Amino acid sequence: MNTTEINGFQIDKFNQYDLIVGKKEGVCPLCSSNRKPQNRKAKCAMYDWERGLGTCMNCNEVFQLHTFKRKGGNDKVYNKPKQIANPLLSNKVIKWFEGRGISNNTLVKMKITEGKEFMPQTGKEENTIQFNYFINNELINIKYRDGKKNFKLVKGAEKIFYNIDSTVGHDYMVIVEGEMDALSFVEAGVSSVISVPNGATINNNNLEYLDNCIDYFENKEKIILAVDQDEAGENLKQELIRRLGAEACYTCDFGVHKDANEFLIHNSRNMLSDVIKNASAVPIENVLTLKDVDDELQEFIEEGFKPGYQIGLDNFDSIFSTYTGQFITVTGVPSSGKSDFVDRMVVGYQLKYGWKTAFASPENKPTFLHAHKLMRKIGDWMPTKEDINTTKWEEVSNVINDNFFFIENERYDLDSVLSKGAQLVKRKGIKCLVIDPYNKVKMNGSAAMSIPDATMEYLTRIEAFAKKYDVLVIVVAHPTKMYKKDDGTLDEPNMYNIKGGGEWYDASYHGILVHRDWENKTVKAKVLKVKFQNLGENGAEAYFKWEPNSGCFIPHEVETKEQIMPWEVG
């Protein structure tokens, strides 16, 4: 019975309460000692040794039979906050929590503390409530809240979910948007509940705390999203569904109330627990009713098309933008700057929207040189040895390290790239996947298919991936048919010049040509196809000067010469 692992988590201390191992029922380590003498040995608790959980029928608490070693995390070095020496709360704080529906028993259980802390919002020390973040009973971070509703986390400490330890052994978890909401559910008897550390924002692309705790989500049959019922909460909910998978996610309805704590203040504990029991499964993928799209329909009628995502170069942004869940085909003759321009696109998406990108780029090797190209574009400079370990170097390096991921395979194939891309969506939250070039990322079984069929199957799989994970996929495709002009230079290719021809034009959401004018030292980006008129203009062109030091594309105006007709010559 003395196992070393439960649900993939290594046991730190087996049977932490020294209960009778193997017995299915017995005393409760939490409440039995506080019961009347004649009831202290009553078998009020059930033990599930396989799951590592106990359940008490008297106090209604669920407790972990063991302590567990941390799983996952990353190799960054973080600041560690100091443990609060005196956990006793003042009557003033206890009364305040009682006004919010939270009992002292819950405060003790959740290890809430109070004390003085410097708050940057006021510029002085304030009396604060302290929400302590633990992993395996080790203090990892602290959220401070003062009386003016200012918040701060410990600077340089690791960001994790609040109360993450509570999820071990359970087949479900509840995710909320604030510590008060987590306390509210604990008050209502919900055992496995966690909170994001810093609320929700309109842009929730960077969920560092999810990356640091992703292993805790493995094997969860039900992930209930009980976030705030506002725009930021909705965006957080959608990002969590994208990262964790719709098949495991459920959503809650607080009625007229914004969140769990507001619901608890106006209703009973049992009614709040019923909110969890009545959580609705996220709709089945690819099966919709009008009700599922009614909000979007009304928004479209009222506001029209949503603006597309842009890369931050004015002349290109004026002719092209895109949505996620789509893919772009980028083509051009060899050495025309296709990969460079794609790098500039994803750097633009990162700087403008905080997107993370994964590259499957067999030709962009070695990887350190690809990273170097990205550093130049982000920092707008050519780093030298004198720049190493400077402030700018560290800042740019951190942007690269946190937002760009390079898929390394001995032999690239489409299935493995898309599988790795799916993992990176879940673990890192990528919003963009680059395949450069497509002919070096083969599709298994394509040799037995005709070229049109193989091409369409390839692009169909890319489209399915983009839609499923709400990711933008950029595919670099070399032309196989190239023609020379009278002066010996290569003519501009189009999407029909790519192997597979018409299938590329038909299947691609968008097409972009990158073409270098060596004589004038300019680069042209031309829109070959745009699926939706609101996102761009077919045939439109944007010109750039390419800065070799930084690798940056500088918008450039090209003078057009008017054609002189024979009859105008005089």
Protein backbone atom coordinates (compact mmCIF):
# COMPACT_ATOMS: atom_id res chain seq x y z
CA MET A 1 0.00 0.00 0.00
CA ASN A 2 2.98 2.30 0.63
CA THR A 3 3.10 3.66 -2.94
CA THR A 4 5.46 6.33 -4.20
CA GLU A 5 3.20 7.98 -6.77
CA ILE A 6 -0.49 8.89 -7.15
CA ASN A 7 -1.95 10.35 -10.36
CA GLY A 8 1.54 11.06 -11.61
CA PHE A 9 2.58 12.98 -8.47
CA GLN A 10 5.45 11.76 -6.32
CA ILE A 11 4.51 11.31 -2.66
CA ASP A 12 6.62 13.42 -0.31
CA LYS A 13 5.28 12.09 3.00
CA PHE A 14 3.15 8.97 2.92
CA ASN A 15 0.17 8.98 5.31
CA GLN A 16 0.89 12.40 6.80
CA TYR A 17 -1.75 11.97 9.55
CA ASP A 18 -0.56 8.48 10.64
CA LEU A 19 -3.91 6.85 9.90
CA ILE A 20 -4.45 3.09 9.65
CA VAL A 21 -3.15 2.28 6.16
CA GLY A 22 -5.52 0.21 4.02
CA LYS A 23 -8.61 0.92 6.10
CA LYS A 24 -11.46 2.43 4.13
CA GLU A 25 -12.93 4.32 7.07
CA GLY A 26 -11.75 5.82 10.32
CA VAL A 27 -11.37 9.04 12.29
CA CYS A 28 -11.03 12.43 10.66
CA PRO A 29 -7.62 14.07 11.30
CA LEU A 30 -9.24 17.51 11.04
CA CYS A 31 -12.23 17.36 13.35
CA SER A 32 -12.19 14.17 15.45
CA SER A 33 -9.95 15.62 18.17
CA ASN A 34 -12.38 18.52 18.61
CA ARG A 35 -15.51 16.39 18.97
CA LYS A 36 -17.15 15.30 22.19
CA PRO A 37 -15.04 12.68 24.06
CA GLN A 38 -17.52 9.89 23.30
CA ASN A 39 -17.37 10.69 19.54
CA ARG A 40 -13.62 11.19 19.03
CA LYS A 41 -13.04 7.61 17.90
CA ALA A 42 -16.12 7.47 15.68
CA LYS A 43 -15.47 6.39 12.09
CA CYS A 44 -16.64 9.61 10.51
CA ALA A 45 -14.20 9.65 7.56
CA MET A 46 -13.78 7.60 4.40
CA TYR A 47 -10.25 6.95 3.06
CA ASP A 48 -9.52 6.52 -0.66
CA TRP A 49 -5.89 5.37 -0.70
CA GLU A 50 -5.77 5.04 -4.50
CA ARG A 51 -6.64 8.70 -4.98
CA GLY A 52 -4.87 9.83 -1.83
CA LEU A 53 -7.96 11.59 -0.48
CA GLY A 54 -10.12 11.38 2.61
CA THR A 55 -13.68 12.65 3.09
CA CYS A 56 -15.26 13.43 6.47
CA MET A 57 -19.00 12.96 6.93
CA ASN A 58 -19.00 15.12 10.06
CA CYS A 59 -17.12 18.29 9.04
CA ASN A 60 -17.66 17.73 5.28
CA GLU A 61 -13.98 18.39 4.56
CA VAL A 62 -11.91 16.64 1.92
CA PHE A 63 -8.30 16.14 3.01
CA GLN A 64 -5.16 14.76 1.36
CA LEU A 65 -3.79 11.61 2.94
CA HIS A 66 -0.26 12.40 1.76
CA THR A 67 1.90 15.37 0.87
CA PHE A 68 3.25 15.51 -2.67
CA LYS A 69 6.45 16.66 -4.29
CA ARG A 70 6.15 19.40 -6.84
CA LYS A 71 5.76 18.32 -10.43
CA GLY A 72 6.78 20.47 -13.39
CA GLY A 73 7.72 24.12 -13.03
CA ASN A 74 10.63 25.68 -14.86
CA ASP A 75 14.28 26.28 -14.22
CA LYS A 76 14.07 30.02 -13.56
CA VAL A 77 15.42 31.30 -10.26
CA TYR A 78 12.72 33.14 -8.29
CA ASN A 79 12.59 35.20 -5.14
CA LYS A 80 11.13 33.39 -2.15
CA PRO A 81 8.89 35.39 0.19
CA LYS A 82 9.36 35.22 3.94
CA GLN A 83 6.93 33.11 5.91
CA ILE A 84 4.63 35.12 8.14
CA ALA A 85 5.56 34.39 11.74
CA ASN A 86 2.19 35.19 13.32
CA PRO A 87 -0.83 33.85 11.39
CA LEU A 88 -3.36 35.13 13.93
CA LEU A 89 -5.89 37.52 12.45
CA SER A 90 -7.30 40.57 14.16
CA ASN A 91 -11.00 40.76 14.96
CA LYS A 92 -11.26 43.63 12.50
CA VAL A 93 -10.06 41.43 9.62
CA ILE A 94 -12.21 38.48 10.70
CA LYS A 95 -15.29 40.75 10.79
CA TRP A 96 -14.48 42.10 7.32
CA PHE A 97 -14.32 38.59 5.90
CA GLU A 98 -17.53 37.65 7.66
CA GLY A 99 -19.19 40.55 5.84
CA ARG A 100 -18.07 38.90 2.60
CA GLY A 101 -19.52 35.53 3.62
CA ILE A 102 -16.18 33.94 4.65
CA SER A 103 -15.90 32.26 8.06
CA ASN A 104 -12.84 32.18 10.31
CA ASN A 105 -12.58 28.39 9.78
CA THR A 106 -12.01 28.99 6.06
CA LEU A 107 -9.44 31.72 6.81
CA VAL A 108 -7.48 29.31 9.03
CA LYS A 109 -7.74 26.51 6.50
CA MET A 110 -6.50 28.76 3.68
CA LYS A 111 -3.69 30.22 5.85
CA ILE A 112 -4.76 33.86 5.45
CA THR A 113 -2.48 36.30 7.30
CA GLU A 114 -2.27 40.05 7.84
CA GLY A 115 0.47 42.59 8.40
CA LYS A 116 2.16 45.80 7.31
CA GLU A 117 3.48 45.99 3.77
CA PHE A 118 4.81 48.77 1.52
CA MET A 119 2.33 49.37 -1.29
CA PRO A 120 3.66 51.16 -4.38
CA GLN A 121 0.19 52.51 -5.22
CA THR A 122 0.15 54.64 -2.06
CA GLY A 123 3.92 55.01 -1.57
CA LYS A 124 3.83 53.88 2.08
CA GLU A 125 3.29 50.95 4.41
CA GLU A 126 -0.31 49.84 4.70
CA ASN A 127 -2.24 47.32 6.73
CA THR A 128 -2.74 44.39 4.37
CA ILE A 129 -4.51 41.09 4.07
CA GLN A 130 -2.13 38.45 2.73
CA PHE A 131 -3.14 35.56 0.48
CA ASN A 132 -0.33 33.02 0.67
CA TYR A 133 0.49 30.89 -2.37
CA PHE A 134 1.87 27.41 -1.67
CA ILE A 135 3.09 24.44 -3.63
CA ASN A 136 3.47 21.32 -1.49
CA ASN A 137 3.23 23.51 1.62
CA GLU A 138 6.19 25.64 0.47
CA LEU A 139 5.46 29.38 0.33
CA ILE A 140 5.97 30.49 -3.29
CA ASN A 141 4.30 33.92 -3.48
CA ILE A 142 2.10 36.32 -1.51
CA LYS A 143 -0.74 38.53 -2.75
CA TYR A 144 -1.12 41.69 -0.62
CA ARG A 145 -4.38 43.63 -0.48
CA ASP A 146 -4.78 46.92 1.35
CA GLY A 147 -7.94 48.71 2.47
CA LYS A 148 -8.07 50.77 -0.72
CA LYS A 149 -8.24 47.58 -2.82
CA ASN A 150 -4.68 47.90 -4.07
CA PHE A 151 -2.89 44.64 -4.81
CA LYS A 152 0.66 43.45 -5.31
CA LEU A 153 2.54 40.17 -5.62
CA VAL A 154 6.08 39.61 -4.36
CA LYS A 155 8.51 41.08 -6.90
CA GLY A 156 10.47 38.40 -8.70
CA ALA A 157 8.53 35.53 -7.12
CA GLU A 158 7.06 32.74 -9.22
CA LYS A 159 3.52 33.17 -10.49
CA ILE A 160 1.36 30.13 -9.78
CA PHE A 161 -2.31 29.40 -9.19
CA TYR A 162 -3.61 30.15 -5.71
CA ASN A 163 -4.44 26.96 -3.76
CA ILE A 164 -2.99 24.70 -6.48
CA ASP A 165 -2.15 21.94 -3.97
CA SER A 166 -5.86 21.35 -3.43
CA THR A 167 -6.24 19.81 -6.90
CA VAL A 168 -3.99 16.77 -6.37
CA GLY A 169 -6.00 13.57 -6.21
CA HIS A 170 -9.21 15.09 -7.59
CA ASP A 171 -10.59 14.37 -11.03
CA TYR A 172 -12.00 17.91 -11.26
CA MET A 173 -10.94 21.48 -10.50
CA VAL A 174 -12.62 24.88 -10.39
CA ILE A 175 -10.78 27.93 -11.74
CA VAL A 176 -11.77 31.39 -10.47
CA GLU A 177 -10.47 34.90 -11.06
CA GLY A 178 -9.61 36.02 -7.55
CA GLU A 179 -8.64 34.75 -4.12
CA MET A 180 -11.94 35.90 -2.59
CA ASP A 181 -13.80 33.75 -5.10
CA ALA A 182 -11.59 30.77 -4.18
CA LEU A 183 -12.35 31.32 -0.49
CA SER A 184 -16.07 31.53 -1.35
CA PHE A 185 -16.05 28.10 -2.97
CA VAL A 186 -14.03 26.63 -0.10
CA GLU A 187 -16.69 28.10 2.21
CA ALA A 188 -19.31 26.32 0.10
CA GLY A 189 -17.54 22.96 0.51
CA VAL A 190 -15.80 22.82 -2.88
CA SER A 191 -12.43 21.17 -2.31
CA SER A 192 -10.48 21.53 -5.55
CA VAL A 193 -10.56 25.24 -6.40
CA ILE A 194 -7.77 27.51 -7.65
CA SER A 195 -7.47 31.16 -8.61
CA VAL A 196 -5.39 32.98 -11.18
CA PRO A 197 -2.86 35.23 -9.40
CA ASN A 198 -3.46 38.51 -11.17
CA GLY A 199 -7.06 38.57 -12.34
CA ALA A 200 -8.04 38.81 -15.99
CA THR A 201 -7.26 41.40 -18.62
CA ILE A 202 -8.61 42.06 -22.09
CA ASN A 203 -5.46 40.42 -23.50
CA ASN A 204 -4.80 37.08 -21.75
CA ASN A 205 -2.18 35.66 -24.09
CA ASN A 206 0.59 35.43 -21.50
CA LEU A 207 -0.56 33.06 -18.75
CA GLU A 208 2.79 32.41 -17.08
CA TYR A 209 1.12 30.83 -14.06
CA LEU A 210 -0.54 28.23 -16.31
CA ASP A 211 2.82 27.37 -17.87
CA ASN A 212 4.28 26.89 -14.36
CA CYS A 213 1.43 24.64 -13.16
CA ILE A 214 0.37 22.83 -16.34
CA ASP A 215 1.10 19.36 -14.94
CA TYR A 216 -1.64 19.78 -12.34
CA PHE A 217 -4.20 19.75 -15.16
CA GLU A 218 -3.29 16.28 -16.44
CA ASN A 219 -5.98 13.63 -16.17
CA LYS A 220 -8.63 16.08 -14.98
CA GLU A 221 -12.01 14.91 -16.23
CA LYS A 222 -13.72 18.22 -15.54
CA ILE A 223 -12.23 21.73 -15.46
CA ILE A 224 -14.92 24.19 -14.35
CA LEU A 225 -14.31 27.81 -15.36
CA ALA A 226 -16.00 30.04 -12.78
CA VAL A 227 -14.43 33.36 -13.80
CA ASP A 228 -15.95 36.84 -13.61
CA GLN A 229 -18.91 37.56 -15.84
CA ASP A 230 -17.42 40.57 -17.65
CA GLU A 231 -15.43 41.14 -20.84
CA ALA A 232 -12.03 40.41 -19.29
CA GLY A 233 -13.40 37.26 -17.64
CA GLU A 234 -14.88 36.10 -20.92
CA ASN A 235 -11.54 36.56 -22.67
CA LEU A 236 -9.76 34.63 -19.92
CA LYS A 237 -12.34 31.85 -20.18
CA GLN A 238 -11.85 31.55 -23.94
CA GLU A 239 -8.06 31.44 -23.60
CA LEU A 240 -8.28 28.74 -20.94
CA ILE A 241 -10.62 26.71 -23.13
CA ARG A 242 -8.16 27.08 -26.01
CA ARG A 243 -5.21 26.01 -23.86
CA LEU A 244 -6.84 23.24 -21.82
CA GLY A 245 -9.16 21.78 -24.46
CA ALA A 246 -12.90 22.28 -24.82
CA GLU A 247 -13.60 18.60 -24.19
CA ALA A 248 -12.63 18.94 -20.50
CA CYS A 249 -14.01 22.43 -19.82
CA TYR A 250 -17.29 23.47 -18.21
CA THR A 251 -18.66 26.96 -17.56
CA CYS A 252 -20.71 28.49 -14.73
CA ASP A 253 -23.54 30.97 -14.58
CA PHE A 254 -23.76 33.35 -11.60
CA GLY A 255 -26.98 34.91 -12.84
CA VAL A 256 -27.09 38.65 -12.09
CA HIS A 257 -23.93 38.46 -9.99
CA LYS A 258 -20.44 39.21 -11.25
CA ASP A 259 -18.49 36.49 -9.48
CA ALA A 260 -18.53 33.75 -6.83
CA ASN A 261 -18.04 36.02 -3.84
CA GLU A 262 -20.81 38.40 -4.87
CA PHE A 263 -23.05 35.35 -5.38
CA LEU A 264 -22.20 34.02 -1.90
CA ILE A 265 -22.94 37.37 -0.23
CA HIS A 266 -26.48 37.34 -1.66
CA ASN A 267 -27.16 33.59 -1.51
CA SER A 268 -26.42 30.50 0.57
CA ARG A 269 -23.36 28.25 0.55
CA ASN A 270 -25.44 25.40 -0.83
CA MET A 271 -26.64 27.56 -3.70
CA LEU A 272 -23.03 28.42 -4.57
CA SER A 273 -22.04 24.76 -4.56
CA ASP A 274 -25.03 24.13 -6.84
CA VAL A 275 -23.50 26.56 -9.35
CA ILE A 276 -20.67 24.03 -9.72
CA LYS A 277 -23.04 21.07 -9.90
CA ASN A 278 -24.98 22.82 -12.66
CA ALA A 279 -21.94 23.82 -14.72
CA SER A 280 -22.48 23.38 -18.46
CA ALA A 281 -20.13 21.56 -20.80
CA VAL A 282 -18.52 23.71 -23.46
CA PRO A 283 -20.45 23.06 -26.70
CA ILE A 284 -19.32 20.13 -28.85
CA GLU A 285 -16.68 21.19 -31.33
CA ASN A 286 -17.97 21.91 -34.83
CA VAL A 287 -21.62 21.56 -33.79
CA LEU A 288 -23.37 24.90 -33.34
CA THR A 289 -26.84 26.27 -32.98
CA LEU A 290 -28.01 29.83 -33.48
CA LYS A 291 -27.91 30.30 -29.72
CA ASP A 292 -24.17 29.53 -29.75
CA VAL A 293 -23.45 32.38 -32.19
CA ASP A 294 -26.23 34.78 -31.22
CA ASP A 295 -23.92 37.20 -29.39
CA GLU A 296 -21.50 37.28 -32.32
CA LEU A 297 -24.37 37.80 -34.75
CA GLN A 298 -25.70 40.75 -32.77
CA GLU A 299 -22.21 42.22 -32.43
CA PHE A 300 -21.68 41.91 -36.20
CA ILE A 301 -24.99 43.62 -36.95
CA GLU A 302 -24.16 46.44 -34.55
CA GLU A 303 -20.44 46.92 -35.27
CA GLY A 304 -19.60 45.11 -38.54
CA PHE A 305 -16.46 43.01 -39.03
CA LYS A 306 -13.85 42.94 -36.29
CA PRO A 307 -10.52 44.49 -37.29
CA GLY A 308 -7.80 42.02 -38.20
CA TYR A 309 -4.41 41.61 -36.55
CA GLN A 310 -1.57 43.74 -37.96
CA ILE A 311 2.22 43.55 -37.83
CA GLY A 312 2.96 47.18 -36.97
CA LEU A 313 4.32 48.42 -40.34
CA ASP A 314 1.95 51.14 -41.49
CA ASN A 315 2.23 50.63 -45.23
CA PHE A 316 1.67 46.87 -44.96
CA ASP A 317 -1.03 47.20 -42.30
CA SER A 318 -3.00 49.45 -44.65
CA ILE A 319 -3.29 46.62 -47.22
CA PHE A 320 -3.34 43.45 -45.10
CA SER A 321 -4.47 42.05 -41.76
CA THR A 322 -5.61 38.65 -40.57
CA TYR A 323 -7.58 36.70 -37.99
CA THR A 324 -6.40 33.72 -35.99
CA GLY A 325 -7.81 30.31 -36.94
CA GLN A 326 -6.52 30.92 -40.50
CA PHE A 327 -3.33 30.30 -42.45
CA ILE A 328 -1.21 32.46 -44.73
CA THR A 329 0.87 31.22 -47.63
CA VAL A 330 4.05 33.23 -48.24
CA THR A 331 5.94 32.68 -51.49
CA GLY A 332 8.72 34.24 -53.53
CA VAL A 333 11.82 33.34 -55.51
CA PRO A 334 14.89 32.05 -53.61
CA SER A 335 16.76 34.69 -51.55
CA SER A 336 13.89 37.13 -51.85
CA GLY A 337 13.57 37.61 -48.08
CA LYS A 338 10.54 35.38 -47.39
CA SER A 339 11.80 33.98 -44.08
CA ASP A 340 13.05 37.38 -43.01
CA PHE A 341 9.69 38.97 -43.67
CA VAL A 342 7.86 36.17 -41.85
CA ASP A 343 10.18 36.76 -38.87
CA ARG A 344 9.22 40.43 -38.98
CA MET A 345 5.53 39.49 -39.08
CA VAL A 346 5.68 37.33 -35.95
CA VAL A 347 7.88 39.86 -34.15
CA GLY A 348 5.22 42.45 -34.98
CA TYR A 349 2.47 40.22 -33.58
CA GLN A 350 4.49 39.76 -30.40
CA LEU A 351 5.25 43.45 -29.89
CA LYS A 352 1.71 44.55 -30.74
CA TYR A 353 -0.38 41.77 -29.14
CA GLY A 354 1.96 39.71 -26.95
CA TRP A 355 1.68 36.62 -29.17
CA LYS A 356 3.95 33.63 -28.78
CA THR A 357 5.21 31.81 -31.89
CA ALA A 358 6.59 28.35 -32.63
CA PHE A 359 8.85 27.73 -35.64
CA ALA A 360 9.25 24.52 -37.61
CA SER A 361 12.01 25.87 -39.85
CA PRO A 362 14.35 23.18 -41.21
CA GLU A 363 16.14 25.72 -43.41
CA ASN A 364 16.52 28.34 -40.67
CA LYS A 365 19.44 26.59 -39.01
CA PRO A 366 21.42 26.68 -36.84
CA THR A 367 18.83 27.79 -34.31
CA PHE A 368 21.10 30.26 -32.53
CA LEU A 369 21.42 32.24 -35.79
CA HIS A 370 17.64 32.29 -36.18
CA ALA A 371 17.39 33.56 -32.60
CA HIS A 372 20.01 36.16 -33.50
CA LYS A 373 17.85 37.38 -36.41
CA LEU A 374 14.89 37.78 -34.06
CA MET A 375 17.03 39.64 -31.51
CA ARG A 376 18.04 42.12 -34.18
CA LYS A 377 14.45 42.80 -35.18
CA ILE A 378 13.19 43.14 -31.62
CA GLY A 379 16.10 45.27 -30.43
CA ASP A 380 16.51 47.16 -33.74
CA TRP A 381 20.28 46.78 -33.51
CA MET A 382 23.18 44.51 -34.42
CA PRO A 383 24.42 43.09 -31.10
CA THR A 384 28.18 42.92 -30.58
CA LYS A 385 30.26 41.18 -27.94
CA GLU A 386 30.19 44.40 -25.92
CA ASP A 387 26.40 44.08 -25.72
CA ILE A 388 26.44 40.61 -24.12
CA ASN A 389 24.92 40.64 -20.62
CA THR A 390 24.01 44.32 -20.83
CA THR A 391 20.55 45.48 -19.78
CA LYS A 392 19.37 45.64 -23.39
CA TRP A 393 20.78 42.19 -24.11
CA GLU A 394 18.94 40.71 -21.12
CA GLU A 395 15.67 42.46 -22.00
CA VAL A 396 15.70 41.30 -25.63
CA SER A 397 16.89 37.79 -24.66
CA ASN A 398 14.00 37.46 -22.23
CA VAL A 399 11.51 38.44 -24.94
CA ILE A 400 12.97 35.79 -27.27
CA ASN A 401 13.13 33.11 -24.57
CA ASP A 402 9.58 33.67 -23.34
CA ASN A 403 7.80 34.14 -26.67
CA PHE A 404 9.56 32.15 -29.43
CA PHE A 405 9.98 28.38 -29.56
CA PHE A 406 11.97 26.36 -32.08
CA ILE A 407 10.81 22.84 -32.95
CA GLU A 408 13.87 20.64 -33.49
CA ASN A 409 13.49 17.33 -35.35
CA GLU A 410 16.04 15.18 -37.17
CA ARG A 411 13.39 14.57 -39.80
CA TYR A 412 10.42 16.89 -39.96
CA ASP A 413 6.96 15.59 -40.76
CA LEU A 414 3.64 17.39 -40.61
CA ASP A 415 2.04 15.13 -37.98
CA SER A 416 4.89 15.59 -35.48
CA VAL A 417 5.03 19.35 -36.09
CA LEU A 418 1.28 19.78 -35.53
CA SER A 419 1.44 17.50 -32.46
CA LYS A 420 4.27 19.59 -31.01
CA GLY A 421 2.33 22.73 -31.92
CA ALA A 422 -0.70 21.43 -29.97
CA GLN A 423 1.53 20.83 -26.92
CA LEU A 424 2.92 24.35 -27.20
CA VAL A 425 -0.61 25.79 -27.34
CA LYS A 426 -1.39 24.04 -24.05
CA ARG A 427 1.90 24.59 -22.27
CA LYS A 428 3.04 27.96 -23.63
CA GLY A 429 -0.06 29.51 -25.22
CA ILE A 430 1.36 30.03 -28.70
CA LYS A 431 -0.85 31.99 -31.11
CA CYS A 432 1.22 31.47 -34.25
CA LEU A 433 2.94 28.49 -35.94
CA VAL A 434 5.42 28.95 -38.77
CA ILE A 435 6.25 26.14 -41.22
CA ASP A 436 9.24 27.22 -43.30
CA PRO A 437 9.36 25.76 -45.91
CA TYR A 438 6.48 23.36 -46.40
CA ASN A 439 8.41 21.02 -48.73
CA LYS A 440 10.86 20.23 -45.91
CA VAL A 441 7.99 19.32 -43.57
CA LYS A 442 6.66 16.21 -45.32
CA MET A 443 3.27 14.61 -44.82
CA ASN A 444 3.32 10.88 -44.12
CA GLY A 445 1.68 8.85 -46.87
CA SER A 446 1.77 11.66 -49.43
CA ALA A 447 4.01 9.69 -51.83
CA ALA A 448 1.09 7.40 -52.70
CA MET A 449 -1.21 10.34 -53.48
CA SER A 450 -1.52 12.55 -56.54
CA ILE A 451 0.05 15.99 -56.20
CA PRO A 452 -3.31 17.84 -56.06
CA ASP A 453 -4.72 15.38 -53.50
CA ALA A 454 -1.57 15.46 -51.37
CA THR A 455 -1.48 19.26 -51.44
CA MET A 456 -5.13 19.59 -50.47
CA GLU A 457 -4.76 17.06 -47.64
CA TYR A 458 -1.68 18.92 -46.37
CA LEU A 459 -3.46 22.26 -46.34
CA THR A 460 -6.66 20.77 -44.87
CA ARG A 461 -4.68 19.47 -41.88
CA ILE A 462 -3.10 22.89 -41.39
CA GLU A 463 -6.50 24.57 -41.55
CA ALA A 464 -7.97 22.09 -39.03
CA PHE A 465 -5.11 22.78 -36.62
CA ALA A 466 -5.50 26.55 -36.99
CA LYS A 467 -9.23 26.40 -36.32
CA LYS A 468 -9.06 23.93 -33.43
CA TYR A 469 -6.47 25.89 -31.48
CA ASP A 470 -7.34 29.39 -32.75
CA VAL A 471 -3.80 29.78 -34.07
CA LEU A 472 -2.47 31.67 -37.08
CA VAL A 473 -0.35 29.36 -39.26
CA ILE A 474 2.15 30.87 -41.70
CA VAL A 475 3.45 28.53 -44.40
CA VAL A 476 6.45 29.47 -46.53
CA ALA A 477 6.22 27.79 -49.94
CA HIS A 478 8.90 27.97 -52.62
CA PRO A 479 7.74 28.18 -56.22
CA THR A 480 8.74 25.27 -58.44
CA LYS A 481 8.01 27.06 -61.69
CA MET A 482 10.04 30.21 -62.25
CA TYR A 483 10.29 32.28 -65.42
CA LYS A 484 12.87 34.80 -66.54
CA LYS A 485 12.04 38.20 -67.92
CA ASP A 486 13.71 39.61 -71.04
CA ASP A 487 16.45 41.20 -68.92
CA GLY A 488 17.39 37.84 -67.38
CA THR A 489 15.92 38.50 -63.93
CA LEU A 490 13.34 36.19 -62.44
CA ASP A 491 9.74 37.15 -62.87
CA GLU A 492 7.50 37.47 -59.84
CA PRO A 493 5.87 34.12 -59.02
CA ASN A 494 2.32 33.68 -57.83
CA MET A 495 0.54 30.97 -55.86
CA TYR A 496 -0.04 28.91 -59.00
CA ASN A 497 3.76 28.55 -59.33
CA ILE A 498 3.91 26.49 -56.11
CA LYS A 499 3.88 22.70 -56.47
CA GLY A 500 0.20 21.82 -56.30
CA GLY A 501 -0.77 25.03 -58.06
CA GLY A 502 -4.46 25.79 -57.83
CA GLU A 503 -4.91 23.96 -54.53
CA TRP A 504 -2.67 26.52 -52.82
CA TYR A 505 -4.75 29.40 -54.11
CA ASP A 506 -8.06 27.71 -53.36
CA ALA A 507 -7.23 26.49 -49.84
CA SER A 508 -5.15 29.37 -48.48
CA TYR A 509 -6.97 32.06 -46.57
CA HIS A 510 -4.38 34.58 -47.64
CA GLY A 511 -1.36 34.70 -49.95
CA ILE A 512 1.62 37.05 -49.78
CA LEU A 513 4.47 37.47 -52.26
CA VAL A 514 7.84 38.69 -50.99
CA HIS A 515 10.06 39.91 -53.84
CA ARG A 516 13.45 41.59 -53.65
CA ASP A 517 14.56 44.27 -56.12
CA TRP A 518 18.31 43.89 -56.03
CA GLU A 519 18.96 46.88 -58.24
CA ASN A 520 17.00 49.34 -56.12
CA LYS A 521 17.70 47.48 -52.84
CA THR A 522 14.05 47.29 -51.91
CA VAL A 523 11.71 44.49 -50.85
CA LYS A 524 8.10 44.30 -51.95
CA ALA A 525 5.29 42.57 -50.11
CA LYS A 526 2.32 41.98 -52.37
CA VAL A 527 -1.10 40.65 -51.39
CA LEU A 528 -1.81 37.73 -53.73
CA LYS A 529 -5.02 36.70 -52.02
CA VAL A 530 -7.11 37.87 -49.12
CA LYS A 531 -10.16 35.83 -48.21
CA PHE A 532 -12.23 38.59 -46.65
CA GLN A 533 -12.40 42.05 -48.17
CA ASN A 534 -12.30 43.75 -44.78
CA LEU A 535 -8.84 42.26 -44.14
CA GLY A 536 -6.99 43.55 -47.18
CA GLU A 537 -6.76 44.37 -50.84
CA ASN A 538 -5.89 41.83 -53.52
CA GLY A 539 -2.94 42.99 -55.63
CA ALA A 540 -1.94 45.77 -53.23
CA GLU A 541 1.78 46.29 -52.63
CA ALA A 542 3.96 47.64 -49.84
CA TYR A 543 7.65 48.51 -50.32
CA PHE A 544 10.49 48.43 -47.81
CA LYS A 545 14.12 49.25 -47.49
CA TRP A 546 15.89 46.37 -45.79
CA GLU A 547 18.33 47.45 -43.09
CA PRO A 548 21.10 44.79 -43.11
CA ASN A 549 22.42 45.51 -39.61
CA SER A 550 19.14 45.14 -37.77
CA GLY A 551 17.36 43.06 -40.39
CA CYS A 552 14.46 45.49 -40.08
CA PHE A 553 12.02 46.40 -42.85
CA ILE A 554 11.66 50.16 -43.20
CA PRO A 555 8.55 51.38 -45.06
CA HIS A 556 9.55 52.96 -48.36
CA GLU A 557 7.70 54.88 -51.05
CA VAL A 558 8.41 53.87 -54.64
CA GLU A 559 7.96 56.47 -57.34
CA THR A 560 5.84 55.24 -60.21
CA LYS A 561 6.77 56.42 -63.69
CA GLU A 562 3.90 57.44 -65.91
CA GLN A 563 3.89 55.68 -69.24
CA ILE A 564 4.45 58.06 -72.17
CA MET A 565 2.23 57.30 -75.16
CA PRO A 566 3.64 57.63 -78.70
CA TRP A 567 1.33 60.47 -79.54
CA GLU A 568 2.61 62.43 -76.54
CA VAL A 569 6.15 62.53 -77.91
CA GLY A 570 6.62 65.79 -79.67
